Amino acid sequence: MRKQADWMVPSDNRILELIREYGNLTPSAIEAKGGPVRQHASTRCSELAEYGLLQQVHRGLYGITEDGIAYLDEELDASELAPVEDAE
């Protein structure tokens, strides 16, 4: 079972799964592929990048990190993550 952090919301799993499956995505592409609406996806991608599960590849474009993959594979407890300094 994935170990979520208190700051995470249920849609975070879907966002991470979509980016792992399709590669780097924008919030609009996340919505188009069945994820949450663009505005929510944008907010959540920023938060996931802040904690190192995603990285901002370019303005508005996000990719999954090794920590993000480890979280999805149930090898990382997200509650142990601290904000990273260069999230954006």
PDB file of N, CA and C in Angstrom:
ATOM      1  N   MET A   1       0.846  -1.186   0.000  1.00  0.00           N
ATOM      2  CA  MET A   1       0.000   0.000   0.000  1.00  0.00           C
ATOM      3  C   MET A   1       0.886   1.243   0.000  1.00  0.00           C
ATOM      4  N   ARG A   2       0.538   2.200  -0.832  1.00  0.00           N
ATOM      5  CA  ARG A   2       1.302   3.442  -0.904  1.00  0.00           C
ATOM      6  C   ARG A   2       1.155   4.228   0.386  1.00  0.00           C
ATOM      7  N   LYS A   3       2.266   4.792   0.831  1.00  0.00           N
ATOM      8  CA  LYS A   3       2.274   5.565   2.079  1.00  0.00           C
ATOM      9  C   LYS A   3       2.251   7.044   1.739  1.00  0.00           C
ATOM     10  N   GLN A   4       1.042   7.632   1.829  1.00  0.00           N
ATOM     11  CA  GLN A   4       0.854   9.041   1.509  1.00  0.00           C
ATOM     12  C   GLN A   4       1.250   9.939   2.665  1.00  0.00           C
ATOM     13  N   ALA A   5       1.529  11.193   2.320  1.00  0.00           N
ATOM     14  CA  ALA A   5       1.794  12.229   3.320  1.00  0.00           C
ATOM     15  C   ALA A   5       0.488  12.969   3.614  1.00  0.00           C
ATOM     16  N   ASP A   6       0.454  13.674   4.727  1.00  0.00           N
ATOM     17  CA  ASP A   6      -0.741  14.434   5.105  1.00  0.00           C
ATOM     18  C   ASP A   6      -1.095  15.506   4.076  1.00  0.00           C
ATOM     19  N   TRP A   7      -0.096  16.043   3.383  1.00  0.00           N
ATOM     20  CA  TRP A   7      -0.334  17.117   2.411  1.00  0.00           C
ATOM     21  C   TRP A   7      -0.879  16.587   1.079  1.00  0.00           C
ATOM     22  N   MET A   8      -0.888  15.281   0.897  1.00  0.00           N
ATOM     23  CA  MET A   8      -1.341  14.711  -0.367  1.00  0.00           C
ATOM     24  C   MET A   8      -2.861  14.569  -0.415  1.00  0.00           C
ATOM     25  N   VAL A   9      -3.394  14.588  -1.646  1.00  0.00           N
ATOM     26  CA  VAL A   9      -4.825  14.388  -1.881  1.00  0.00           C
ATOM     27  C   VAL A   9      -4.980  13.192  -2.824  1.00  0.00           C
ATOM     28  N   PRO A  10      -6.176  12.593  -2.883  1.00  0.00           N
ATOM     29  CA  PRO A  10      -6.353  11.379  -3.697  1.00  0.00           C
ATOM     30  C   PRO A  10      -5.944  11.532  -5.170  1.00  0.00           C
ATOM     31  N   SER A  11      -6.142  12.690  -5.763  1.00  0.00           N
ATOM     32  CA  SER A  11      -5.813  12.857  -7.183  1.00  0.00           C
ATOM     33  C   SER A  11      -4.306  12.835  -7.450  1.00  0.00           C
ATOM     34  N   ASP A  12      -3.483  13.000  -6.425  1.00  0.00           N
ATOM     35  CA  ASP A  12      -2.030  12.971  -6.615  1.00  0.00           C
ATOM     36  C   ASP A  12      -1.578  11.633  -7.200  1.00  0.00           C
ATOM     37  N   ASN A  13      -2.164  10.545  -6.751  1.00  0.00           N
ATOM     38  CA  ASN A  13      -1.799   9.229  -7.276  1.00  0.00           C
ATOM     39  C   ASN A  13      -2.079   9.149  -8.772  1.00  0.00           C
ATOM     40  N   ARG A  14      -3.225   9.633  -9.192  1.00  0.00           N
ATOM     41  CA  ARG A  14      -3.592   9.588 -10.620  1.00  0.00           C
ATOM     42  C   ARG A  14      -2.636  10.438 -11.448  1.00  0.00           C
ATOM     43  N   ILE A  15      -2.300  11.617 -10.963  1.00  0.00           N
ATOM     44  CA  ILE A  15      -1.369  12.497 -11.674  1.00  0.00           C
ATOM     45  C   ILE A  15      -0.013  11.808 -11.837  1.00  0.00           C
ATOM     46  N   LEU A  16       0.506  11.253 -10.763  1.00  0.00           N
ATOM     47  CA  LEU A  16       1.798  10.567 -10.823  1.00  0.00           C
ATOM     48  C   LEU A  16       1.744   9.372 -11.771  1.00  0.00           C
ATOM     49  N   GLU A  17       0.660   8.612 -11.715  1.00  0.00           N
ATOM     50  CA  GLU A  17       0.511   7.448 -12.594  1.00  0.00           C
ATOM     51  C   GLU A  17       0.482   7.860 -14.064  1.00  0.00           C
ATOM     52  N   LEU A  18      -0.241   8.928 -14.384  1.00  0.00           N
ATOM     53  CA  LEU A  18      -0.329   9.391 -15.769  1.00  0.00           C
ATOM     54  C   LEU A  18       1.028   9.857 -16.281  1.00  0.00           C
ATOM     55  N   ILE A  19       1.752  10.599 -15.460  1.00  0.00           N
ATOM     56  CA  ILE A  19       3.057  11.098 -15.898  1.00  0.00           C
ATOM     57  C   ILE A  19       4.047   9.937 -16.043  1.00  0.00           C
ATOM     58  N   ARG A  20       3.962   8.952 -15.168  1.00  0.00           N
ATOM     59  CA  ARG A  20       4.835   7.783 -15.333  1.00  0.00           C
ATOM     60  C   ARG A  20       4.484   7.050 -16.632  1.00  0.00           C
ATOM     61  N   GLU A  21       3.199   6.912 -16.924  1.00  0.00           N
ATOM     62  CA  GLU A  21       2.776   6.169 -18.111  1.00  0.00           C
ATOM     63  C   GLU A  21       3.089   6.896 -19.416  1.00  0.00           C
ATOM     64  N   TYR A  22       2.838   8.204 -19.471  1.00  0.00           N
ATOM     65  CA  TYR A  22       2.938   8.948 -20.721  1.00  0.00           C
ATOM     66  C   TYR A  22       4.195   9.803 -20.850  1.00  0.00           C
ATOM     67  N   GLY A  23       4.949   9.985 -19.791  1.00  0.00           N
ATOM     68  CA  GLY A  23       6.102  10.886 -19.838  1.00  0.00           C
ATOM     69  C   GLY A  23       5.695  12.281 -19.417  1.00  0.00           C
ATOM     70  N   ASN A  24       6.543  13.247 -19.686  1.00  0.00           N
ATOM     71  CA  ASN A  24       6.299  14.624 -19.264  1.00  0.00           C
ATOM     72  C   ASN A  24       4.944  15.117 -19.765  1.00  0.00           C
ATOM     73  N   LEU A  25       4.178  15.732 -18.873  1.00  0.00           N
ATOM     74  CA  LEU A  25       2.844  16.228 -19.224  1.00  0.00           C
ATOM     75  C   LEU A  25       2.608  17.615 -18.642  1.00  0.00           C
ATOM     76  N   THR A  26       1.733  18.361 -19.307  1.00  0.00           N
ATOM     77  CA  THR A  26       1.229  19.619 -18.773  1.00  0.00           C
ATOM     78  C   THR A  26      -0.070  19.326 -18.022  1.00  0.00           C
ATOM     79  N   PRO A  27      -0.520  20.246 -17.180  1.00  0.00           N
ATOM     80  CA  PRO A  27      -1.817  20.043 -16.515  1.00  0.00           C
ATOM     81  C   PRO A  27      -2.966  19.835 -17.505  1.00  0.00           C
ATOM     82  N   SER A  28      -2.937  20.514 -18.650  1.00  0.00           N
ATOM     83  CA  SER A  28      -3.979  20.314 -19.670  1.00  0.00           C
ATOM     84  C   SER A  28      -3.938  18.897 -20.216  1.00  0.00           C
ATOM     85  N   ALA A  29      -2.740  18.376 -20.457  1.00  0.00           N
ATOM     86  CA  ALA A  29      -2.605  17.004 -20.962  1.00  0.00           C
ATOM     87  C   ALA A  29      -3.048  15.997 -19.902  1.00  0.00           C
ATOM     88  N   ILE A  30      -2.771  16.287 -18.636  1.00  0.00           N
ATOM     89  CA  ILE A  30      -3.218  15.405 -17.545  1.00  0.00           C
ATOM     90  C   ILE A  30      -4.740  15.306 -17.565  1.00  0.00           C
ATOM     91  N   GLU A  31      -5.409  16.443 -17.719  1.00  0.00           N
ATOM     92  CA  GLU A  31      -6.872  16.443 -17.791  1.00  0.00           C
ATOM     93  C   GLU A  31      -7.345  15.656 -19.014  1.00  0.00           C
ATOM     94  N   ALA A  32      -6.713  15.870 -20.158  1.00  0.00           N
ATOM     95  CA  ALA A  32      -7.115  15.200 -21.395  1.00  0.00           C
ATOM     96  C   ALA A  32      -6.944  13.677 -21.309  1.00  0.00           C
ATOM     97  N   LYS A  33      -6.021  13.214 -20.499  1.00  0.00           N
ATOM     98  CA  LYS A  33      -5.759  11.780 -20.365  1.00  0.00           C
ATOM     99  C   LYS A  33      -6.554  11.150 -19.213  1.00  0.00           C
ATOM    100  N   GLY A  34      -7.524  11.876 -18.680  1.00  0.00           N
ATOM    101  CA  GLY A  34      -8.412  11.308 -17.675  1.00  0.00           C
ATOM    102  C   GLY A  34      -8.089  11.675 -16.243  1.00  0.00           C
ATOM    103  N   GLY A  35      -7.173  12.604 -16.056  1.00  0.00           N
ATOM    104  CA  GLY A  35      -6.831  13.061 -14.714  1.00  0.00           C
ATOM    105  C   GLY A  35      -7.746  14.193 -14.271  1.00  0.00           C
ATOM    106  N   PRO A  36      -7.392  14.834 -13.179  1.00  0.00           N
ATOM    107  CA  PRO A  36      -8.211  15.945 -12.683  1.00  0.00           C
ATOM    108  C   PRO A  36      -8.181  17.137 -13.643  1.00  0.00           C
ATOM    109  N   VAL A  37      -9.131  18.046 -13.471  1.00  0.00           N
ATOM    110  CA  VAL A  37      -9.205  19.235 -14.326  1.00  0.00           C
ATOM    111  C   VAL A  37      -7.901  20.032 -14.254  1.00  0.00           C
ATOM    112  N   ARG A  38      -7.630  20.777 -15.310  1.00  0.00           N
ATOM    113  CA  ARG A  38      -6.361  21.478 -15.482  1.00  0.00           C
ATOM    114  C   ARG A  38      -5.973  22.332 -14.274  1.00  0.00           C
ATOM    115  N   GLN A  39      -6.897  23.109 -13.766  1.00  0.00           N
ATOM    116  CA  GLN A  39      -6.572  24.006 -12.651  1.00  0.00           C
ATOM    117  C   GLN A  39      -6.119  23.216 -11.421  1.00  0.00           C
ATOM    118  N   HIS A  40      -6.833  22.155 -11.121  1.00  0.00           N
ATOM    119  CA  HIS A  40      -6.473  21.321  -9.967  1.00  0.00           C
ATOM    120  C   HIS A  40      -5.155  20.597 -10.231  1.00  0.00           C
ATOM    121  N   ALA A  41      -4.992  20.071 -11.437  1.00  0.00           N
ATOM    122  CA  ALA A  41      -3.757  19.375 -11.788  1.00  0.00           C
ATOM    123  C   ALA A  41      -2.559  20.317 -11.675  1.00  0.00           C
ATOM    124  N   SER A  42      -2.723  21.552 -12.086  1.00  0.00           N
ATOM    125  CA  SER A  42      -1.640  22.538 -12.004  1.00  0.00           C
ATOM    126  C   SER A  42      -1.221  22.769 -10.555  1.00  0.00           C
ATOM    127  N   THR A  43      -2.205  22.948  -9.688  1.00  0.00           N
ATOM    128  CA  THR A  43      -1.926  23.154  -8.266  1.00  0.00           C
ATOM    129  C   THR A  43      -1.228  21.937  -7.667  1.00  0.00           C
ATOM    130  N   ARG A  44      -1.729  20.765  -7.988  1.00  0.00           N
ATOM    131  CA  ARG A  44      -1.162  19.540  -7.422  1.00  0.00           C
ATOM    132  C   ARG A  44       0.230  19.241  -7.983  1.00  0.00           C
ATOM    133  N   CYS A  45       0.452  19.512  -9.265  1.00  0.00           N
ATOM    134  CA  CYS A  45       1.793  19.306  -9.831  1.00  0.00           C
ATOM    135  C   CYS A  45       2.816  20.193  -9.130  1.00  0.00           C
ATOM    136  N   SER A  46       2.448  21.427  -8.861  1.00  0.00           N
ATOM    137  CA  SER A  46       3.357  22.331  -8.140  1.00  0.00           C
ATOM    138  C   SER A  46       3.681  21.777  -6.757  1.00  0.00           C
ATOM    139  N   GLU A  47       2.674  21.268  -6.079  1.00  0.00           N
ATOM    140  CA  GLU A  47       2.874  20.702  -4.740  1.00  0.00           C
ATOM    141  C   GLU A  47       3.730  19.429  -4.810  1.00  0.00           C
ATOM    142  N   LEU A  48       3.452  18.572  -5.764  1.00  0.00           N
ATOM    143  CA  LEU A  48       4.235  17.348  -5.912  1.00  0.00           C
ATOM    144  C   LEU A  48       5.689  17.663  -6.264  1.00  0.00           C
ATOM    145  N   ALA A  49       5.903  18.713  -7.039  1.00  0.00           N
ATOM    146  CA  ALA A  49       7.267  19.138  -7.364  1.00  0.00           C
ATOM    147  C   ALA A  49       7.955  19.719  -6.132  1.00  0.00           C
ATOM    148  N   GLU A  50       7.189  20.420  -5.318  1.00  0.00           N
ATOM    149  CA  GLU A  50       7.760  20.996  -4.101  1.00  0.00           C
ATOM    150  C   GLU A  50       8.349  19.913  -3.195  1.00  0.00           C
ATOM    151  N   TYR A  51       7.743  18.751  -3.198  1.00  0.00           N
ATOM    152  CA  TYR A  51       8.210  17.649  -2.344  1.00  0.00           C
ATOM    153  C   TYR A  51       9.066  16.625  -3.099  1.00  0.00           C
ATOM    154  N   GLY A  52       9.380  16.911  -4.358  1.00  0.00           N
ATOM    155  CA  GLY A  52      10.319  16.081  -5.086  1.00  0.00           C
ATOM    156  C   GLY A  52       9.764  14.843  -5.763  1.00  0.00           C
ATOM    157  N   LEU A  53       8.437  14.709  -5.833  1.00  0.00           N
ATOM    158  CA  LEU A  53       7.856  13.561  -6.534  1.00  0.00           C
ATOM    159  C   LEU A  53       7.751  13.827  -8.034  1.00  0.00           C
ATOM    160  N   LEU A  54       7.640  15.095  -8.390  1.00  0.00           N
ATOM    161  CA  LEU A  54       7.685  15.538  -9.777  1.00  0.00           C
ATOM    162  C   LEU A  54       8.780  16.582  -9.895  1.00  0.00           C
ATOM    163  N   GLN A  55       9.184  16.844 -11.128  1.00  0.00           N
ATOM    164  CA  GLN A  55      10.093  17.959 -11.380  1.00  0.00           C
ATOM    165  C   GLN A  55       9.501  18.799 -12.495  1.00  0.00           C
ATOM    166  N   GLN A  56       9.685  20.101 -12.388  1.00  0.00           N
ATOM    167  CA  GLN A  56       9.213  20.973 -13.449  1.00  0.00           C
ATOM    168  C   GLN A  56      10.296  20.993 -14.533  1.00  0.00           C
ATOM    169  N   VAL A  57       9.989  20.380 -15.663  1.00  0.00           N
ATOM    170  CA  VAL A  57      10.935  20.258 -16.760  1.00  0.00           C
ATOM    171  C   VAL A  57      11.048  21.587 -17.507  1.00  0.00           C
ATOM    172  N   HIS A  58       9.917  22.234 -17.657  1.00  0.00           N
ATOM    173  CA  HIS A  58       9.821  23.517 -18.325  1.00  0.00           C
ATOM    174  C   HIS A  58       8.571  24.168 -17.729  1.00  0.00           C
ATOM    175  N   ARG A  59       8.388  25.426 -17.968  1.00  0.00           N
ATOM    176  CA  ARG A  59       7.214  26.094 -17.398  1.00  0.00           C
ATOM    177  C   ARG A  59       5.936  25.349 -17.803  1.00  0.00           C
ATOM    178  N   GLY A  60       5.231  24.834 -16.798  1.00  0.00           N
ATOM    179  CA  GLY A  60       3.977  24.126 -17.039  1.00  0.00           C
ATOM    180  C   GLY A  60       4.124  22.688 -17.512  1.00  0.00           C
ATOM    181  N   LEU A  61       5.339  22.161 -17.549  1.00  0.00           N
ATOM    182  CA  LEU A  61       5.577  20.799 -18.001  1.00  0.00           C
ATOM    183  C   LEU A  61       6.271  20.027 -16.890  1.00  0.00           C
ATOM    184  N   TYR A  62       5.685  18.908 -16.505  1.00  0.00           N
ATOM    185  CA  TYR A  62       6.180  18.146 -15.361  1.00  0.00           C
ATOM    186  C   TYR A  62       6.579  16.727 -15.753  1.00  0.00           C
ATOM    187  N   GLY A  63       7.627  16.245 -15.106  1.00  0.00           N
ATOM    188  CA  GLY A  63       8.083  14.877 -15.270  1.00  0.00           C
ATOM    189  C   GLY A  63       8.205  14.217 -13.907  1.00  0.00           C
ATOM    190  N   ILE A  64       8.165  12.918 -13.879  1.00  0.00           N
ATOM    191  CA  ILE A  64       8.250  12.182 -12.617  1.00  0.00           C
ATOM    192  C   ILE A  64       9.721  11.990 -12.230  1.00  0.00           C
ATOM    193  N   THR A  65       9.990  12.012 -10.949  1.00  0.00           N
ATOM    194  CA  THR A  65      11.343  11.822 -10.437  1.00  0.00           C
ATOM    195  C   THR A  65      11.521  10.375  -9.972  1.00  0.00           C
ATOM    196  N   GLU A  66      12.742  10.042  -9.614  1.00  0.00           N
ATOM    197  CA  GLU A  66      13.001   8.713  -9.050  1.00  0.00           C
ATOM    198  C   GLU A  66      12.188   8.509  -7.771  1.00  0.00           C
ATOM    199  N   ASP A  67      12.070   9.572  -6.957  1.00  0.00           N
ATOM    200  CA  ASP A  67      11.248   9.464  -5.744  1.00  0.00           C
ATOM    201  C   ASP A  67       9.782   9.229  -6.093  1.00  0.00           C
ATOM    202  N   GLY A  68       9.299   9.874  -7.147  1.00  0.00           N
ATOM    203  CA  GLY A  68       7.915   9.675  -7.573  1.00  0.00           C
ATOM    204  C   GLY A  68       7.662   8.242  -7.995  1.00  0.00           C
ATOM    205  N   ILE A  69       8.607   7.678  -8.725  1.00  0.00           N
ATOM    206  CA  ILE A  69       8.485   6.273  -9.145  1.00  0.00           C
ATOM    207  C   ILE A  69       8.550   5.355  -7.930  1.00  0.00           C
ATOM    208  N   ALA A  70       9.477   5.633  -7.011  1.00  0.00           N
ATOM    209  CA  ALA A  70       9.597   4.809  -5.803  1.00  0.00           C
ATOM    210  C   ALA A  70       8.308   4.872  -4.978  1.00  0.00           C
ATOM    211  N   TYR A  71       7.686   6.051  -4.898  1.00  0.00           N
ATOM    212  CA  TYR A  71       6.417   6.177  -4.178  1.00  0.00           C
ATOM    213  C   TYR A  71       5.348   5.303  -4.843  1.00  0.00           C
ATOM    214  N   LEU A  72       5.217   5.397  -6.173  1.00  0.00           N
ATOM    215  CA  LEU A  72       4.212   4.599  -6.878  1.00  0.00           C
ATOM    216  C   LEU A  72       4.466   3.108  -6.716  1.00  0.00           C
ATOM    217  N   ASP A  73       5.729   2.729  -6.644  1.00  0.00           N
ATOM    218  CA  ASP A  73       6.091   1.316  -6.482  1.00  0.00           C
ATOM    219  C   ASP A  73       6.082   0.860  -5.029  1.00  0.00           C
ATOM    220  N   GLU A  74       5.561   1.709  -4.141  1.00  0.00           N
ATOM    221  CA  GLU A  74       5.434   1.420  -2.702  1.00  0.00           C
ATOM    222  C   GLU A  74       6.783   1.212  -2.026  1.00  0.00           C
ATOM    223  N   GLU A  75       7.819   1.883  -2.532  1.00  0.00           N
ATOM    224  CA  GLU A  75       9.157   1.784  -1.957  1.00  0.00           C
ATOM    225  C   GLU A  75       9.559   3.049  -1.200  1.00  0.00           C
ATOM    226  N   LEU A  76       8.664   4.039  -1.154  1.00  0.00           N
ATOM    227  CA  LEU A  76       8.966   5.315  -0.507  1.00  0.00           C
ATOM    228  C   LEU A  76       7.756   5.766   0.293  1.00  0.00           C
ATOM    229  N   ASP A  77       7.995   6.184   1.521  1.00  0.00           N
ATOM    230  CA  ASP A  77       6.953   6.745   2.381  1.00  0.00           C
ATOM    231  C   ASP A  77       6.950   8.257   2.163  1.00  0.00           C
ATOM    232  N   ALA A  78       5.927   8.770   1.491  1.00  0.00           N
ATOM    233  CA  ALA A  78       5.860  10.194   1.158  1.00  0.00           C
ATOM    234  C   ALA A  78       5.817  11.080   2.397  1.00  0.00           C
ATOM    235  N   SER A  79       5.375  10.558   3.526  1.00  0.00           N
ATOM    236  CA  SER A  79       5.310  11.382   4.739  1.00  0.00           C
ATOM    237  C   SER A  79       6.706  11.743   5.242  1.00  0.00           C
ATOM    238  N   GLU A  80       7.734  11.063   4.757  1.00  0.00           N
ATOM    239  CA  GLU A  80       9.101  11.363   5.165  1.00  0.00           C
ATOM    240  C   GLU A  80       9.758  12.432   4.297  1.00  0.00           C
ATOM    241  N   LEU A  81       9.079  12.873   3.249  1.00  0.00           N
ATOM    242  CA  LEU A  81       9.642  13.874   2.349  1.00  0.00           C
ATOM    243  C   LEU A  81       9.541  15.273   2.933  1.00  0.00           C
ATOM    244  N   ALA A  82      10.549  16.074   2.680  1.00  0.00           N
ATOM    245  CA  ALA A  82      10.550  17.482   3.047  1.00  0.00           C
ATOM    246  C   ALA A  82      10.570  18.285   1.753  1.00  0.00           C
ATOM    247  N   PRO A  83      10.078  19.524   1.786  1.00  0.00           N
ATOM    248  CA  PRO A  83      10.120  20.348   0.567  1.00  0.00           C
ATOM    249  C   PRO A  83      11.558  20.492   0.056  1.00  0.00           C
ATOM    250  N   VAL A  84      11.699  20.423  -1.260  1.00  0.00           N
ATOM    251  CA  VAL A  84      13.012  20.630  -1.879  1.00  0.00           C
ATOM    252  C   VAL A  84      13.158  22.107  -2.218  1.00  0.00           C
ATOM    253  N   GLU A  85      14.382  22.586  -2.205  1.00  0.00           N
ATOM    254  CA  GLU A  85      14.601  24.023  -2.385  1.00  0.00           C
ATOM    255  C   GLU A  85      14.403  24.504  -3.809  1.00  0.00           C
ATOM    256  N   ASP A  86      14.729  23.677  -4.803  1.00  0.00           N
ATOM    257  CA  ASP A  86      14.657  24.119  -6.197  1.00  0.00           C
ATOM    258  C   ASP A  86      13.508  23.484  -6.951  1.00  0.00           C
ATOM    259  N   ALA A  87      12.331  23.483  -6.343  1.00  0.00           N
ATOM    260  CA  ALA A  87      11.163  22.831  -6.947  1.00  0.00           C
ATOM    261  C   ALA A  87      10.734  23.519  -8.243  1.00  0.00           C
ATOM    262  N   GLU A  88      11.029  24.791  -8.414  1.00  0.00           N
ATOM    263  CA  GLU A  88      10.587  25.489  -9.637  1.00  0.00           C
ATOM    264  C   GLU A  88      11.720  26.103 -10.360  1.00  0.00           C
TER     265      GLU A  88
END
